[in-house]
């Protein structure tokens, strides 16, 4: 299972939905969405600033994460940025790989 960070910025329509049903209802809806796709929601936080909510979920694969991002964007209630997260062990494995790279002009 892969871990993803979704950073959502609500539109006026999305803010109106939060005000009408509350923050816990939104977190519950996202938890249900993740579980319905075979994943889990690790955490959901609202925030101040240009990003209104940060959500970390475990999902089966990149295609499932992309499907979530497409559905959220198509709803018109929020824009979303998706970041795939890596564990320290995954970074260690990447650092141990040999890569034959030459920068431009080298």
PDB file of N, CA and C in Angstrom:
ATOM      1  N   UNK A   1       0.862  -1.173   0.000  1.00  0.00           N
ATOM      2  CA  UNK A   1       0.000   0.000   0.000  1.00  0.00           C
ATOM      3  C   UNK A   1       0.904   1.229   0.000  1.00  0.00           C
ATOM      4  N   UNK A   2       0.550   2.225  -0.787  1.00  0.00           N
ATOM      5  CA  UNK A   2       1.324   3.460  -0.888  1.00  0.00           C
ATOM      6  C   UNK A   2       0.642   4.566  -0.083  1.00  0.00           C
ATOM      7  N   UNK A   3       1.450   5.521   0.355  1.00  0.00           N
ATOM      8  CA  UNK A   3       0.955   6.623   1.193  1.00  0.00           C
ATOM      9  C   UNK A   3       0.967   7.906   0.364  1.00  0.00           C
ATOM     10  N   UNK A   4      -0.125   8.678   0.475  1.00  0.00           N
ATOM     11  CA  UNK A   4      -0.277   9.916  -0.290  1.00  0.00           C
ATOM     12  C   UNK A   4      -0.717  11.051   0.629  1.00  0.00           C
ATOM     13  N   UNK A   5      -0.216  12.248   0.313  1.00  0.00           N
ATOM     14  CA  UNK A   5      -0.661  13.477   0.964  1.00  0.00           C
ATOM     15  C   UNK A   5      -1.512  14.232  -0.037  1.00  0.00           C
ATOM     16  N   UNK A   6      -2.757  14.478   0.318  1.00  0.00           N
ATOM     17  CA  UNK A   6      -3.634  15.315  -0.495  1.00  0.00           C
ATOM     18  C   UNK A   6      -3.746  16.664   0.200  1.00  0.00           C
ATOM     19  N   UNK A   7      -3.450  17.725  -0.536  1.00  0.00           N
ATOM     20  CA  UNK A   7      -3.579  19.095  -0.027  1.00  0.00           C
ATOM     21  C   UNK A   7      -4.732  19.734  -0.792  1.00  0.00           C
ATOM     22  N   UNK A   8      -5.818  20.004  -0.096  1.00  0.00           N
ATOM     23  CA  UNK A   8      -7.032  20.503  -0.736  1.00  0.00           C
ATOM     24  C   UNK A   8      -7.258  21.972  -0.430  1.00  0.00           C
ATOM     25  N   UNK A   9      -7.648  22.701  -1.461  1.00  0.00           N
ATOM     26  CA  UNK A   9      -8.045  24.108  -1.317  1.00  0.00           C
ATOM     27  C   UNK A   9      -9.500  24.205  -1.756  1.00  0.00           C
ATOM     28  N   UNK A  10     -10.364  24.592  -0.824  1.00  0.00           N
ATOM     29  CA  UNK A  10     -11.792  24.608  -1.097  1.00  0.00           C
ATOM     30  C   UNK A  10     -12.198  25.817  -1.929  1.00  0.00           C
ATOM     31  N   UNK A  11     -13.152  25.592  -2.812  1.00  0.00           N
ATOM     32  CA  UNK A  11     -13.804  26.677  -3.538  1.00  0.00           C
ATOM     33  C   UNK A  11     -14.903  27.229  -2.626  1.00  0.00           C
ATOM     34  N   UNK A  12     -15.587  28.254  -3.094  1.00  0.00           N
ATOM     35  CA  UNK A  12     -16.714  28.798  -2.333  1.00  0.00           C
ATOM     36  C   UNK A  12     -17.737  27.696  -2.061  1.00  0.00           C
ATOM     37  N   UNK A  13     -18.000  26.873  -3.066  1.00  0.00           N
ATOM     38  CA  UNK A  13     -18.950  25.750  -2.919  1.00  0.00           C
ATOM     39  C   UNK A  13     -18.478  24.787  -1.825  1.00  0.00           C
ATOM     40  N   UNK A  14     -17.186  24.487  -1.797  1.00  0.00           N
ATOM     41  CA  UNK A  14     -16.646  23.581  -0.783  1.00  0.00           C
ATOM     42  C   UNK A  14     -16.751  24.161   0.617  1.00  0.00           C
ATOM     43  N   UNK A  15     -16.446  25.449   0.745  1.00  0.00           N
ATOM     44  CA  UNK A  15     -16.546  26.105   2.059  1.00  0.00           C
ATOM     45  C   UNK A  15     -17.990  26.086   2.545  1.00  0.00           C
ATOM     46  N   UNK A  16     -18.925  26.333   1.641  1.00  0.00           N
ATOM     47  CA  UNK A  16     -20.335  26.289   2.027  1.00  0.00           C
ATOM     48  C   UNK A  16     -20.726  24.896   2.517  1.00  0.00           C
ATOM     49  N   UNK A  17     -20.183  23.851   1.887  1.00  0.00           N
ATOM     50  CA  UNK A  17     -20.452  22.486   2.335  1.00  0.00           C
ATOM     51  C   UNK A  17     -19.901  22.218   3.724  1.00  0.00           C
ATOM     52  N   UNK A  18     -18.700  22.707   4.002  1.00  0.00           N
ATOM     53  CA  UNK A  18     -18.105  22.549   5.342  1.00  0.00           C
ATOM     54  C   UNK A  18     -18.954  23.276   6.374  1.00  0.00           C
ATOM     55  N   UNK A  19     -19.356  24.484   6.052  1.00  0.00           N
ATOM     56  CA  UNK A  19     -20.169  25.254   7.002  1.00  0.00           C
ATOM     57  C   UNK A  19     -21.509  24.576   7.260  1.00  0.00           C
ATOM     58  N   UNK A  20     -22.077  23.946   6.238  1.00  0.00           N
ATOM     59  CA  UNK A  20     -23.393  23.317   6.386  1.00  0.00           C
ATOM     60  C   UNK A  20     -23.334  22.014   7.178  1.00  0.00           C
ATOM     61  N   UNK A  21     -22.312  21.198   6.914  1.00  0.00           N
ATOM     62  CA  UNK A  21     -22.277  19.859   7.525  1.00  0.00           C
ATOM     63  C   UNK A  21     -21.181  19.674   8.561  1.00  0.00           C
ATOM     64  N   UNK A  22     -20.219  20.584   8.606  1.00  0.00           N
ATOM     65  CA  UNK A  22     -19.178  20.512   9.629  1.00  0.00           C
ATOM     66  C   UNK A  22     -17.925  19.784   9.184  1.00  0.00           C
ATOM     67  N   UNK A  23     -16.859  20.051   9.909  1.00  0.00           N
ATOM     68  CA  UNK A  23     -15.559  19.474   9.615  1.00  0.00           C
ATOM     69  C   UNK A  23     -15.497  17.972   9.840  1.00  0.00           C
ATOM     70  N   UNK A  24     -16.135  17.486  10.894  1.00  0.00           N
ATOM     71  CA  UNK A  24     -16.092  16.053  11.168  1.00  0.00           C
ATOM     72  C   UNK A  24     -16.787  15.257  10.067  1.00  0.00           C
ATOM     73  N   UNK A  25     -17.857  15.808   9.525  1.00  0.00           N
ATOM     74  CA  UNK A  25     -18.553  15.135   8.427  1.00  0.00           C
ATOM     75  C   UNK A  25     -17.639  15.005   7.209  1.00  0.00           C
ATOM     76  N   UNK A  26     -16.806  16.020   6.954  1.00  0.00           N
ATOM     77  CA  UNK A  26     -15.883  15.962   5.819  1.00  0.00           C
ATOM     78  C   UNK A  26     -14.825  14.896   6.053  1.00  0.00           C
ATOM     79  N   UNK A  27     -14.262  14.864   7.273  1.00  0.00           N
ATOM     80  CA  UNK A  27     -13.263  13.842   7.596  1.00  0.00           C
ATOM     81  C   UNK A  27     -13.872  12.446   7.490  1.00  0.00           C
ATOM     82  N   UNK A  28     -15.087  12.281   7.963  1.00  0.00           N
ATOM     83  CA  UNK A  28     -15.764  10.983   7.871  1.00  0.00           C
ATOM     84  C   UNK A  28     -15.984  10.578   6.414  1.00  0.00           C
ATOM     85  N   UNK A  29     -16.337  11.550   5.561  1.00  0.00           N
ATOM     86  CA  UNK A  29     -16.562  11.256   4.144  1.00  0.00           C
ATOM     87  C   UNK A  29     -15.263  10.809   3.472  1.00  0.00           C
ATOM     88  N   UNK A  30     -14.150  11.446   3.824  1.00  0.00           N
ATOM     89  CA  UNK A  30     -12.868  11.074   3.222  1.00  0.00           C
ATOM     90  C   UNK A  30     -12.417   9.706   3.746  1.00  0.00           C
ATOM     91  N   UNK A  31     -12.648   9.436   5.022  1.00  0.00           N
ATOM     92  CA  UNK A  31     -12.324   8.106   5.565  1.00  0.00           C
ATOM     93  C   UNK A  31     -13.115   7.030   4.820  1.00  0.00           C
ATOM     94  N   UNK A  32     -14.389   7.267   4.601  1.00  0.00           N
ATOM     95  CA  UNK A  32     -15.243   6.322   3.881  1.00  0.00           C
ATOM     96  C   UNK A  32     -14.771   6.155   2.437  1.00  0.00           C
ATOM     97  N   UNK A  33     -14.385   7.243   1.795  1.00  0.00           N
ATOM     98  CA  UNK A  33     -13.868   7.181   0.427  1.00  0.00           C
ATOM     99  C   UNK A  33     -12.638   6.281   0.370  1.00  0.00           C
ATOM    100  N   UNK A  34     -11.681   6.518   1.268  1.00  0.00           N
ATOM    101  CA  UNK A  34     -10.442   5.718   1.282  1.00  0.00           C
ATOM    102  C   UNK A  34     -10.753   4.240   1.514  1.00  0.00           C
ATOM    103  N   UNK A  35     -11.597   3.953   2.474  1.00  0.00           N
ATOM    104  CA  UNK A  35     -11.935   2.561   2.782  1.00  0.00           C
ATOM    105  C   UNK A  35     -12.657   1.896   1.619  1.00  0.00           C
ATOM    106  N   UNK A  36     -13.511   2.629   0.913  1.00  0.00           N
ATOM    107  CA  UNK A  36     -14.221   2.103  -0.227  1.00  0.00           C
ATOM    108  C   UNK A  36     -13.298   1.745  -1.391  1.00  0.00           C
ATOM    109  N   UNK A  37     -12.107   2.342  -1.396  1.00  0.00           N
ATOM    110  CA  UNK A  37     -11.122   2.059  -2.434  1.00  0.00           C
ATOM    111  C   UNK A  37     -10.061   1.067  -1.972  1.00  0.00           C
ATOM    112  N   UNK A  38     -10.293   0.462  -0.806  1.00  0.00           N
ATOM    113  CA  UNK A  38      -9.351  -0.522  -0.286  1.00  0.00           C
ATOM    114  C   UNK A  38      -8.211   0.072   0.504  1.00  0.00           C
ATOM    115  N   UNK A  39      -8.355   1.332   0.929  1.00  0.00           N
ATOM    116  CA  UNK A  39      -7.299   2.001   1.680  1.00  0.00           C
ATOM    117  C   UNK A  39      -7.742   2.409   3.069  1.00  0.00           C
ATOM    118  N   UNK A  40      -6.946   3.278   3.677  1.00  0.00           N
ATOM    119  CA  UNK A  40      -7.263   3.814   4.999  1.00  0.00           C
ATOM    120  C   UNK A  40      -6.859   5.284   5.047  1.00  0.00           C
ATOM    121  N   UNK A  41      -7.544   6.045   5.882  1.00  0.00           N
ATOM    122  CA  UNK A  41      -7.161   7.425   6.126  1.00  0.00           C
ATOM    123  C   UNK A  41      -6.326   7.456   7.403  1.00  0.00           C
ATOM    124  N   UNK A  42      -5.120   7.970   7.299  1.00  0.00           N
ATOM    125  CA  UNK A  42      -4.258   8.084   8.470  1.00  0.00           C
ATOM    126  C   UNK A  42      -4.600   9.324   9.287  1.00  0.00           C
ATOM    127  N   UNK A  43      -4.756  10.462   8.606  1.00  0.00           N
ATOM    128  CA  UNK A  43      -5.031  11.705   9.328  1.00  0.00           C
ATOM    129  C   UNK A  43      -5.698  12.719   8.414  1.00  0.00           C
ATOM    130  N   UNK A  44      -6.439  13.624   9.019  1.00  0.00           N
ATOM    131  CA  UNK A  44      -7.116  14.713   8.302  1.00  0.00           C
ATOM    132  C   UNK A  44      -6.989  15.945   9.177  1.00  0.00           C
ATOM    133  N   UNK A  45      -6.403  16.993   8.628  1.00  0.00           N
ATOM    134  CA  UNK A  45      -6.277  18.260   9.347  1.00  0.00           C
ATOM    135  C   UNK A  45      -6.752  19.410   8.478  1.00  0.00           C
ATOM    136  N   UNK A  46      -7.522  20.312   9.075  1.00  0.00           N
ATOM    137  CA  UNK A  46      -7.827  21.584   8.437  1.00  0.00           C
ATOM    138  C   UNK A  46      -6.676  22.529   8.744  1.00  0.00           C
ATOM    139  N   UNK A  47      -6.495  23.559   7.893  1.00  0.00           N
ATOM    140  CA  UNK A  47      -5.371  24.467   8.065  1.00  0.00           C
ATOM    141  C   UNK A  47      -5.762  25.883   7.667  1.00  0.00           C
ATOM    142  N   UNK A  48      -4.969  26.832   8.137  1.00  0.00           N
ATOM    143  CA  UNK A  48      -5.069  28.216   7.677  1.00  0.00           C
ATOM    144  C   UNK A  48      -4.188  28.361   6.444  1.00  0.00           C
ATOM    145  N   UNK A  49      -4.459  29.349   5.617  1.00  0.00           N
ATOM    146  CA  UNK A  49      -3.580  29.628   4.489  1.00  0.00           C
ATOM    147  C   UNK A  49      -4.176  29.211   3.161  1.00  0.00           C
ATOM    148  N   UNK A  50      -3.298  29.011   2.167  1.00  0.00           N
ATOM    149  CA  UNK A  50      -3.773  28.701   0.827  1.00  0.00           C
ATOM    150  C   UNK A  50      -4.230  27.250   0.684  1.00  0.00           C
ATOM    151  N   UNK A  51      -3.865  26.400   1.627  1.00  0.00           N
ATOM    152  CA  UNK A  51      -4.352  25.019   1.666  1.00  0.00           C
ATOM    153  C   UNK A  51      -5.304  24.899   2.847  1.00  0.00           C
ATOM    154  N   UNK A  52      -6.500  24.390   2.568  1.00  0.00           N
ATOM    155  CA  UNK A  52      -7.534  24.314   3.606  1.00  0.00           C
ATOM    156  C   UNK A  52      -7.546  23.002   4.372  1.00  0.00           C
ATOM    157  N   UNK A  53      -7.040  21.929   3.750  1.00  0.00           N
ATOM    158  CA  UNK A  53      -7.039  20.625   4.420  1.00  0.00           C
ATOM    159  C   UNK A  53      -5.865  19.796   3.926  1.00  0.00           C
ATOM    160  N   UNK A  54      -5.252  19.091   4.859  1.00  0.00           N
ATOM    161  CA  UNK A  54      -4.185  18.134   4.557  1.00  0.00           C
ATOM    162  C   UNK A  54      -4.672  16.758   4.987  1.00  0.00           C
ATOM    163  N   UNK A  55      -4.604  15.806   4.070  1.00  0.00           N
ATOM    164  CA  UNK A  55      -5.090  14.461   4.341  1.00  0.00           C
ATOM    165  C   UNK A  55      -4.012  13.462   3.932  1.00  0.00           C
ATOM    166  N   UNK A  56      -3.688  12.536   4.835  1.00  0.00           N
ATOM    167  CA  UNK A  56      -2.762  11.463   4.501  1.00  0.00           C
ATOM    168  C   UNK A  56      -3.552  10.163   4.472  1.00  0.00           C
ATOM    169  N   UNK A  57      -3.437   9.477   3.328  1.00  0.00           N
ATOM    170  CA  UNK A  57      -4.152   8.216   3.149  1.00  0.00           C
ATOM    171  C   UNK A  57      -3.209   7.148   2.607  1.00  0.00           C
ATOM    172  N   UNK A  58      -3.515   5.907   2.920  1.00  0.00           N
ATOM    173  CA  UNK A  58      -2.873   4.756   2.310  1.00  0.00           C
ATOM    174  C   UNK A  58      -3.844   4.242   1.256  1.00  0.00           C
ATOM    175  N   UNK A  59      -3.349   4.112   0.025  1.00  0.00           N
ATOM    176  CA  UNK A  59      -4.174   3.619  -1.078  1.00  0.00           C
ATOM    177  C   UNK A  59      -3.426   2.519  -1.814  1.00  0.00           C
ATOM    178  N   UNK A  60      -4.155   1.661  -2.521  1.00  0.00           N
ATOM    179  CA  UNK A  60      -3.508   0.512  -3.158  1.00  0.00           C
ATOM    180  C   UNK A  60      -2.433   0.854  -4.186  1.00  0.00           C
ATOM    181  N   UNK A  61      -2.617   1.958  -4.945  1.00  0.00           N
ATOM    182  CA  UNK A  61      -1.668   2.238  -6.016  1.00  0.00           C
ATOM    183  C   UNK A  61      -1.845   3.663  -6.533  1.00  0.00           C
ATOM    184  N   UNK A  62      -0.946   4.054  -7.441  1.00  0.00           N
ATOM    185  CA  UNK A  62      -0.977   5.405  -8.011  1.00  0.00           C
ATOM    186  C   UNK A  62      -2.257   5.669  -8.801  1.00  0.00           C
ATOM    187  N   UNK A  63      -2.763   4.662  -9.489  1.00  0.00           N
ATOM    188  CA  UNK A  63      -3.984   4.843 -10.270  1.00  0.00           C
ATOM    189  C   UNK A  63      -5.169   5.182  -9.364  1.00  0.00           C
ATOM    190  N   UNK A  64      -5.218   4.558  -8.204  1.00  0.00           N
ATOM    191  CA  UNK A  64      -6.298   4.850  -7.263  1.00  0.00           C
ATOM    192  C   UNK A  64      -6.166   6.274  -6.735  1.00  0.00           C
ATOM    193  N   UNK A  65      -4.944   6.692  -6.422  1.00  0.00           N
ATOM    194  CA  UNK A  65      -4.716   8.064  -5.963  1.00  0.00           C
ATOM    195  C   UNK A  65      -5.102   9.065  -7.045  1.00  0.00           C
ATOM    196  N   UNK A  66      -4.753   8.762  -8.296  1.00  0.00           N
ATOM    197  CA  UNK A  66      -5.117   9.646  -9.402  1.00  0.00           C
ATOM    198  C   UNK A  66      -6.635   9.723  -9.556  1.00  0.00           C
ATOM    199  N   UNK A  67      -7.322   8.597  -9.379  1.00  0.00           N
ATOM    200  CA  UNK A  67      -8.779   8.586  -9.469  1.00  0.00           C
ATOM    201  C   UNK A  67      -9.394   9.484  -8.398  1.00  0.00           C
ATOM    202  N   UNK A  68      -8.836   9.467  -7.190  1.00  0.00           N
ATOM    203  CA  UNK A  68      -9.319  10.348  -6.119  1.00  0.00           C
ATOM    204  C   UNK A  68      -9.121  11.803  -6.515  1.00  0.00           C
ATOM    205  N   UNK A  69      -7.924  12.141  -6.977  1.00  0.00           N
ATOM    206  CA  UNK A  69      -7.638  13.522  -7.365  1.00  0.00           C
ATOM    207  C   UNK A  69      -8.565  13.990  -8.484  1.00  0.00           C
ATOM    208  N   UNK A  70      -8.808  13.123  -9.458  1.00  0.00           N
ATOM    209  CA  UNK A  70      -9.719  13.476 -10.553  1.00  0.00           C
ATOM    210  C   UNK A  70     -11.141  13.710 -10.045  1.00  0.00           C
ATOM    211  N   UNK A  71     -11.605  12.848  -9.152  1.00  0.00           N
ATOM    212  CA  UNK A  71     -12.959  12.985  -8.610  1.00  0.00           C
ATOM    213  C   UNK A  71     -13.109  14.270  -7.804  1.00  0.00           C
ATOM    214  N   UNK A  72     -12.102  14.567  -6.982  1.00  0.00           N
ATOM    215  CA  UNK A  72     -12.163  15.799  -6.178  1.00  0.00           C
ATOM    216  C   UNK A  72     -12.158  17.014  -7.091  1.00  0.00           C
ATOM    217  N   UNK A  73     -11.252  17.041  -8.063  1.00  0.00           N
ATOM    218  CA  UNK A  73     -11.188  18.174  -8.980  1.00  0.00           C
ATOM    219  C   UNK A  73     -12.464  18.351  -9.783  1.00  0.00           C
ATOM    220  N   UNK A  74     -13.036  17.245 -10.244  1.00  0.00           N
ATOM    221  CA  UNK A  74     -14.260  17.310 -11.044  1.00  0.00           C
ATOM    222  C   UNK A  74     -15.464  17.776 -10.240  1.00  0.00           C
ATOM    223  N   UNK A  75     -15.405  17.625  -8.923  1.00  0.00           N
ATOM    224  CA  UNK A  75     -16.547  18.012  -8.093  1.00  0.00           C
ATOM    225  C   UNK A  75     -16.784  19.518  -8.089  1.00  0.00           C
ATOM    226  N   UNK A  76     -15.739  20.291  -8.334  1.00  0.00           N
ATOM    227  CA  UNK A  76     -15.866  21.740  -8.270  1.00  0.00           C
ATOM    228  C   UNK A  76     -15.815  22.296  -6.864  1.00  0.00           C
ATOM    229  N   UNK A  77     -15.739  21.435  -5.856  1.00  0.00           N
ATOM    230  CA  UNK A  77     -15.735  21.880  -4.465  1.00  0.00           C
ATOM    231  C   UNK A  77     -14.335  22.151  -3.923  1.00  0.00           C
ATOM    232  N   UNK A  78     -13.317  21.638  -4.614  1.00  0.00           N
ATOM    233  CA  UNK A  78     -11.943  21.827  -4.138  1.00  0.00           C
ATOM    234  C   UNK A  78     -10.968  21.571  -5.270  1.00  0.00           C
ATOM    235  N   UNK A  79      -9.827  22.211  -5.156  1.00  0.00           N
ATOM    236  CA  UNK A  79      -8.680  21.851  -5.970  1.00  0.00           C
ATOM    237  C   UNK A  79      -7.795  20.991  -5.090  1.00  0.00           C
ATOM    238  N   UNK A  80      -7.025  20.093  -5.679  1.00  0.00           N
ATOM    239  CA  UNK A  80      -6.213  19.188  -4.858  1.00  0.00           C
ATOM    240  C   UNK A  80      -4.845  19.001  -5.483  1.00  0.00           C
ATOM    241  N   UNK A  81      -3.830  18.968  -4.628  1.00  0.00           N
ATOM    242  CA  UNK A  81      -2.470  18.584  -5.018  1.00  0.00           C
ATOM    243  C   UNK A  81      -2.184  17.258  -4.349  1.00  0.00           C
ATOM    244  N   UNK A  82      -1.628  16.322  -5.096  1.00  0.00           N
ATOM    245  CA  UNK A  82      -1.345  14.993  -4.586  1.00  0.00           C
ATOM    246  C   UNK A  82       0.160  14.782  -4.543  1.00  0.00           C
ATOM    247  N   UNK A  83       0.656  14.319  -3.396  1.00  0.00           N
ATOM    248  CA  UNK A  83       2.072  14.027  -3.237  1.00  0.00           C
ATOM    249  C   UNK A  83       2.216  12.595  -2.751  1.00  0.00           C
ATOM    250  N   UNK A  84       2.994  11.795  -3.478  1.00  0.00           N
ATOM    251  CA  UNK A  84       3.277  10.439  -3.024  1.00  0.00           C
ATOM    252  C   UNK A  84       4.361  10.534  -1.956  1.00  0.00           C
ATOM    253  N   UNK A  85       4.131   9.903  -0.831  1.00  0.00           N
ATOM    254  CA  UNK A  85       5.074   9.947   0.280  1.00  0.00           C
ATOM    255  C   UNK A  85       5.926   8.684   0.302  1.00  0.00           C
ATOM    256  N   UNK A  86       7.179   8.828   0.733  1.00  0.00           N
ATOM    257  CA  UNK A  86       8.116   7.712   0.825  1.00  0.00           C
ATOM    258  C   UNK A  86       8.562   7.525   2.260  1.00  0.00           C
ATOM    259  N   UNK A  87       8.758   6.303   2.650  1.00  0.00           N
ATOM    260  CA  UNK A  87       9.279   6.008   3.986  1.00  0.00           C
ATOM    261  C   UNK A  87      10.792   6.225   3.986  1.00  0.00           C
ATOM    262  N   UNK A  88      11.411   6.361   5.165  1.00  0.00           N
ATOM    263  CA  UNK A  88      12.869   6.433   5.218  1.00  0.00           C
ATOM    264  C   UNK A  88      13.532   5.208   4.579  1.00  0.00           C
ATOM    265  N   UNK A  89      12.944   4.026   4.749  1.00  0.00           N
ATOM    266  CA  UNK A  89      13.507   2.810   4.146  1.00  0.00           C
ATOM    267  C   UNK A  89      13.483   2.900   2.620  1.00  0.00           C
ATOM    268  N   UNK A  90      12.427   3.477   2.055  1.00  0.00           N
ATOM    269  CA  UNK A  90      12.361   3.630   0.602  1.00  0.00           C
ATOM    270  C   UNK A  90      13.428   4.600   0.102  1.00  0.00           C
ATOM    271  N   UNK A  91      13.663   5.666   0.849  1.00  0.00           N
ATOM    272  CA  UNK A  91      14.711   6.620   0.472  1.00  0.00           C
ATOM    273  C   UNK A  91      16.077   5.960   0.588  1.00  0.00           C
ATOM    274  N   UNK A  92      16.294   5.155   1.629  1.00  0.00           N
ATOM    275  CA  UNK A  92      17.563   4.434   1.769  1.00  0.00           C
ATOM    276  C   UNK A  92      17.780   3.500   0.584  1.00  0.00           C
ATOM    277  N   UNK A  93      16.730   2.811   0.155  1.00  0.00           N
ATOM    278  CA  UNK A  93      16.843   1.914  -0.992  1.00  0.00           C
ATOM    279  C   UNK A  93      17.173   2.699  -2.262  1.00  0.00           C
ATOM    280  N   UNK A  94      16.550   3.861  -2.416  1.00  0.00           N
ATOM    281  CA  UNK A  94      16.827   4.698  -3.583  1.00  0.00           C
ATOM    282  C   UNK A  94      18.266   5.206  -3.559  1.00  0.00           C
ATOM    283  N   UNK A  95      18.727   5.609  -2.378  1.00  0.00           N
ATOM    284  CA  UNK A  95      20.091   6.129  -2.253  1.00  0.00           C
ATOM    285  C   UNK A  95      21.126   5.052  -2.559  1.00  0.00           C
ATOM    286  N   UNK A  96      20.776   3.801  -2.389  1.00  0.00           N
ATOM    287  CA  UNK A  96      21.686   2.700  -2.641  1.00  0.00           C
ATOM    288  C   UNK A  96      21.759   2.281  -4.103  1.00  0.00           C
ATOM    289  N   UNK A  97      20.918   2.859  -4.949  1.00  0.00           N
ATOM    290  CA  UNK A  97      20.929   2.502  -6.375  1.00  0.00           C
ATOM    291  C   UNK A  97      21.958   3.345  -7.120  1.00  0.00           C
ATOM    292  N   UNK A  98      22.625   2.724  -8.067  1.00  0.00           N
ATOM    293  CA  UNK A  98      23.584   3.429  -8.901  1.00  0.00           C
ATOM    294  C   UNK A  98      22.854   4.003 -10.111  1.00  0.00           C
ATOM    295  N   UNK A  99      23.067   5.291 -10.351  1.00  0.00           N
ATOM    296  CA  UNK A  99      22.416   5.973 -11.465  1.00  0.00           C
ATOM    297  C   UNK A  99      23.493   6.607 -12.334  1.00  0.00           C
ATOM    298  N   UNK A 100      23.511   6.271 -13.611  1.00  0.00           N
ATOM    299  CA  UNK A 100      24.467   6.842 -14.550  1.00  0.00           C
ATOM    300  C   UNK A 100      23.851   8.104 -15.145  1.00  0.00           C
ATOM    301  N   UNK A 101      24.091   9.254 -14.479  1.00  0.00           N
ATOM    302  CA  UNK A 101      23.494  10.518 -14.905  1.00  0.00           C
ATOM    303  C   UNK A 101      24.586  11.515 -15.220  1.00  0.00           C
ATOM    304  N   UNK A 102      24.408  12.216 -16.328  1.00  0.00           N
ATOM    305  CA  UNK A 102      25.301  13.319 -16.688  1.00  0.00           C
ATOM    306  C   UNK A 102      24.434  14.568 -16.797  1.00  0.00           C
ATOM    307  N   UNK A 103      24.817  15.635 -16.103  1.00  0.00           N
ATOM    308  CA  UNK A 103      24.032  16.865 -16.228  1.00  0.00           C
ATOM    309  C   UNK A 103      24.177  17.470 -17.624  1.00  0.00           C
ATOM    310  N   UNK A 104      23.211  18.302 -18.023  1.00  0.00           N
ATOM    311  CA  UNK A 104      23.291  18.934 -19.336  1.00  0.00           C
ATOM    312  C   UNK A 104      24.627  19.679 -19.506  1.00  0.00           C
ATOM    313  N   UNK A 105      25.239  19.518 -20.655  1.00  0.00           N
ATOM    314  CA  UNK A 105      26.493  20.203 -20.946  1.00  0.00           C
ATOM    315  C   UNK A 105      27.736  19.488 -20.440  1.00  0.00           C
ATOM    316  N   UNK A 106      27.552  18.370 -19.734  1.00  0.00           N
ATOM    317  CA  UNK A 106      28.717  17.666 -19.182  1.00  0.00           C
ATOM    318  C   UNK A 106      29.350  16.762 -20.202  1.00  0.00           C
TER     319      UNK A 106
END
